[in-house]
Amino acid sequence: MIPKIGITEDHLKKANSLLSVVLSDEMTLYVKTRKFHWNVTGESFMELHKLFEDQYTALEAIIDEVAERIGKLGGKTIGTMDEFTKLSRVKENPGKYPVQKSMISELLEDHEILISELRKDIDKSADENHDAGTADLLTKVLQQHESTAWILRRYLA
């Protein structure tokens, strides 16, 4: 059933396509952060183990909000790693287990990619899809990524 919420059917489809990409980004970053949580070693093991846990827990909340937004807009939420991998703007590095500093650098780079992409997604949501609700959600997601990036950047200073 198509929601009658003041957004055209075409704009709803475009919003759901955009949100599927965002969901894929968040899932890919979640898996990567979880992998680093499991595999971090070294002097600051416990600190980084807990930091990565806090970060993937925050990503879980984002993932749920984005998935629910797709449903609110009448869409079906994708849910396989194959689908996520095809759409994600963040890439995995299978078989690679970097050292602490490289883990932090890689996660920082991914968060910064998403920050840049989310800025475009917010504009597209508001200006092209006339979807203030999605723009608002994505602004909150952007702010979370900015905070996480700031924390990771501090480890590398």
Protein backbone atom coordinates (compact mmCIF):
# COMPACT_ATOMS: atom_id res chain seq x y z
CA MET A 1 0.00 0.00 0.00
CA ILE A 2 1.35 3.40 -0.98
CA PRO A 3 1.36 5.88 1.91
CA LYS A 4 -0.66 9.05 1.32
CA ILE A 5 1.70 11.40 3.16
CA GLY A 6 2.19 14.29 0.75
CA ILE A 7 5.07 12.74 -1.18
CA THR A 8 4.47 11.53 -4.73
CA GLU A 9 4.82 7.84 -5.55
CA ASP A 10 7.88 8.62 -7.68
CA HIS A 11 9.52 10.57 -4.86
CA LEU A 12 8.73 7.74 -2.41
CA LYS A 13 10.50 5.26 -4.70
CA LYS A 14 13.50 7.57 -5.03
CA ALA A 15 13.60 8.12 -1.26
CA ASN A 16 13.52 4.38 -0.62
CA SER A 17 16.29 3.77 -3.15
CA LEU A 18 18.42 6.43 -1.48
CA LEU A 19 17.68 4.97 1.96
CA SER A 20 18.65 1.49 0.75
CA VAL A 21 22.08 2.85 -0.15
CA VAL A 22 22.38 4.54 3.25
CA LEU A 23 21.32 1.30 4.94
CA SER A 24 23.95 -0.58 2.95
CA ASP A 25 26.63 1.92 3.98
CA GLU A 26 25.68 1.61 7.63
CA MET A 27 25.59 -2.21 7.52
CA THR A 28 28.98 -2.41 5.85
CA LEU A 29 30.51 -0.03 8.36
CA TYR A 30 28.84 -1.95 11.19
CA VAL A 31 30.37 -5.25 10.02
CA LYS A 32 33.79 -3.65 9.60
CA THR A 33 33.65 -2.04 13.05
CA ARG A 34 32.55 -5.32 14.58
CA LYS A 35 35.43 -7.13 12.84
CA PHE A 36 37.90 -4.65 14.30
CA HIS A 37 36.30 -5.04 17.74
CA TRP A 38 36.89 -8.79 17.53
CA ASN A 39 40.43 -8.54 16.16
CA VAL A 40 42.05 -5.55 17.86
CA THR A 41 45.25 -6.43 19.74
CA GLY A 42 48.06 -4.54 21.38
CA GLU A 43 48.77 -2.09 24.13
CA SER A 44 45.41 -0.29 24.04
CA PHE A 45 43.40 -3.47 23.43
CA MET A 46 40.67 -2.97 26.03
CA GLU A 47 40.20 0.73 25.33
CA LEU A 48 39.80 0.16 21.58
CA HIS A 49 37.76 -3.01 22.08
CA LYS A 50 35.26 -0.96 24.11
CA LEU A 51 35.43 2.02 21.75
CA PHE A 52 34.61 -0.15 18.73
CA GLU A 53 31.78 -1.79 20.69
CA ASP A 54 30.29 1.63 21.46
CA GLN A 55 30.59 2.54 17.79
CA TYR A 56 28.96 -0.59 16.39
CA THR A 57 26.19 -0.28 18.98
CA ALA A 58 25.51 3.27 17.75
CA LEU A 59 25.50 1.97 14.17
CA GLU A 60 22.92 -0.67 15.14
CA ALA A 61 20.55 2.09 16.22
CA ILE A 62 21.12 3.99 12.96
CA ILE A 63 20.53 0.84 10.93
CA ASP A 64 17.22 0.23 12.65
CA GLU A 65 16.04 3.82 12.15
CA VAL A 66 16.93 3.80 8.45
CA ALA A 67 15.27 0.41 7.92
CA GLU A 68 12.12 1.60 9.67
CA ARG A 69 12.07 4.78 7.60
CA ILE A 70 11.98 2.67 4.44
CA GLY A 71 8.92 0.88 5.83
CA LYS A 72 7.27 4.17 6.78
CA LEU A 73 7.66 5.26 3.16
CA GLY A 74 6.00 2.08 1.91
CA GLY A 75 9.15 0.28 0.81
CA LYS A 76 10.63 -3.14 1.46
CA THR A 77 13.89 -3.18 3.38
CA ILE A 78 16.74 -5.14 1.84
CA GLY A 79 18.45 -7.52 4.21
CA THR A 80 21.19 -9.64 2.68
CA MET A 81 24.92 -9.07 2.68
CA ASP A 82 24.88 -9.46 -1.11
CA GLU A 83 22.40 -6.60 -1.44
CA PHE A 84 24.31 -4.44 1.01
CA THR A 85 27.65 -5.06 -0.70
CA LYS A 86 26.27 -4.10 -4.10
CA LEU A 87 24.89 -0.77 -2.89
CA SER A 88 27.42 0.33 -0.25
CA ARG A 89 29.68 3.29 -0.85
CA VAL A 90 31.97 1.91 1.90
CA LYS A 91 34.11 -1.03 0.90
CA GLU A 92 35.26 -4.04 2.89
CA ASN A 93 38.78 -5.45 2.91
CA PRO A 94 38.34 -9.21 3.21
CA GLY A 95 41.23 -11.20 4.63
CA LYS A 96 42.98 -8.11 6.01
CA TYR A 97 43.54 -7.62 9.73
CA PRO A 98 45.23 -4.26 10.24
CA VAL A 99 47.06 -3.08 13.34
CA GLN A 100 45.36 -0.63 15.74
CA LYS A 101 46.40 2.61 14.04
CA SER A 102 45.37 1.30 10.62
CA MET A 103 42.01 0.17 11.99
CA ILE A 104 41.39 3.64 13.33
CA SER A 105 42.52 5.27 10.07
CA GLU A 106 40.32 3.00 7.99
CA LEU A 107 37.26 3.61 10.14
CA LEU A 108 37.92 7.36 10.08
CA GLU A 109 38.14 7.30 6.30
CA ASP A 110 34.85 5.39 6.07
CA HIS A 111 33.05 7.79 8.41
CA GLU A 112 34.36 10.75 6.41
CA ILE A 113 33.16 9.16 3.16
CA LEU A 114 29.72 8.73 4.68
CA ILE A 115 29.69 12.29 6.01
CA SER A 116 30.38 13.61 2.51
CA GLU A 117 27.80 11.32 0.91
CA LEU A 118 25.16 12.06 3.53
CA ARG A 119 25.46 15.78 2.82
CA LYS A 120 24.45 15.06 -0.79
CA ASP A 121 21.72 12.66 0.34
CA ILE A 122 20.23 15.29 2.66
CA ASP A 123 20.06 17.83 -0.15
CA LYS A 124 18.55 15.28 -2.52
CA SER A 125 15.97 14.25 0.10
CA ALA A 126 14.90 17.81 0.81
CA ASP A 127 15.20 19.41 -2.62
CA GLU A 128 14.45 16.66 -5.12
CA ASN A 129 12.26 14.21 -3.18
CA HIS A 130 10.45 16.83 -1.06
CA ASP A 131 10.97 14.54 1.93
CA ALA A 132 11.77 16.60 5.03
CA GLY A 133 11.43 13.56 7.29
CA THR A 134 14.21 11.65 5.54
CA ALA A 135 16.36 14.78 5.36
CA ASP A 136 15.92 15.20 9.12
CA LEU A 137 16.80 11.56 9.83
CA LEU A 138 19.88 11.76 7.62
CA THR A 139 20.97 14.97 9.35
CA LYS A 140 20.94 13.11 12.67
CA VAL A 141 22.91 10.25 11.09
CA LEU A 142 25.40 12.76 9.68
CA GLN A 143 25.88 14.29 13.11
CA GLN A 144 26.55 10.87 14.64
CA HIS A 145 29.19 10.15 11.99
CA GLU A 146 30.76 13.57 12.58
CA SER A 147 31.07 12.80 16.30
CA THR A 148 32.56 9.38 15.66
CA ALA A 149 35.00 10.77 13.11
CA TRP A 150 36.08 13.44 15.57
CA ILE A 151 36.80 10.78 18.22
CA LEU A 152 38.75 8.61 15.79
CA ARG A 153 40.70 11.63 14.53
CA ARG A 154 41.80 12.38 18.10
CA TYR A 155 43.46 8.95 18.31
CA LEU A 156 45.57 9.78 15.26
CA ALA A 157 46.64 13.30 16.29
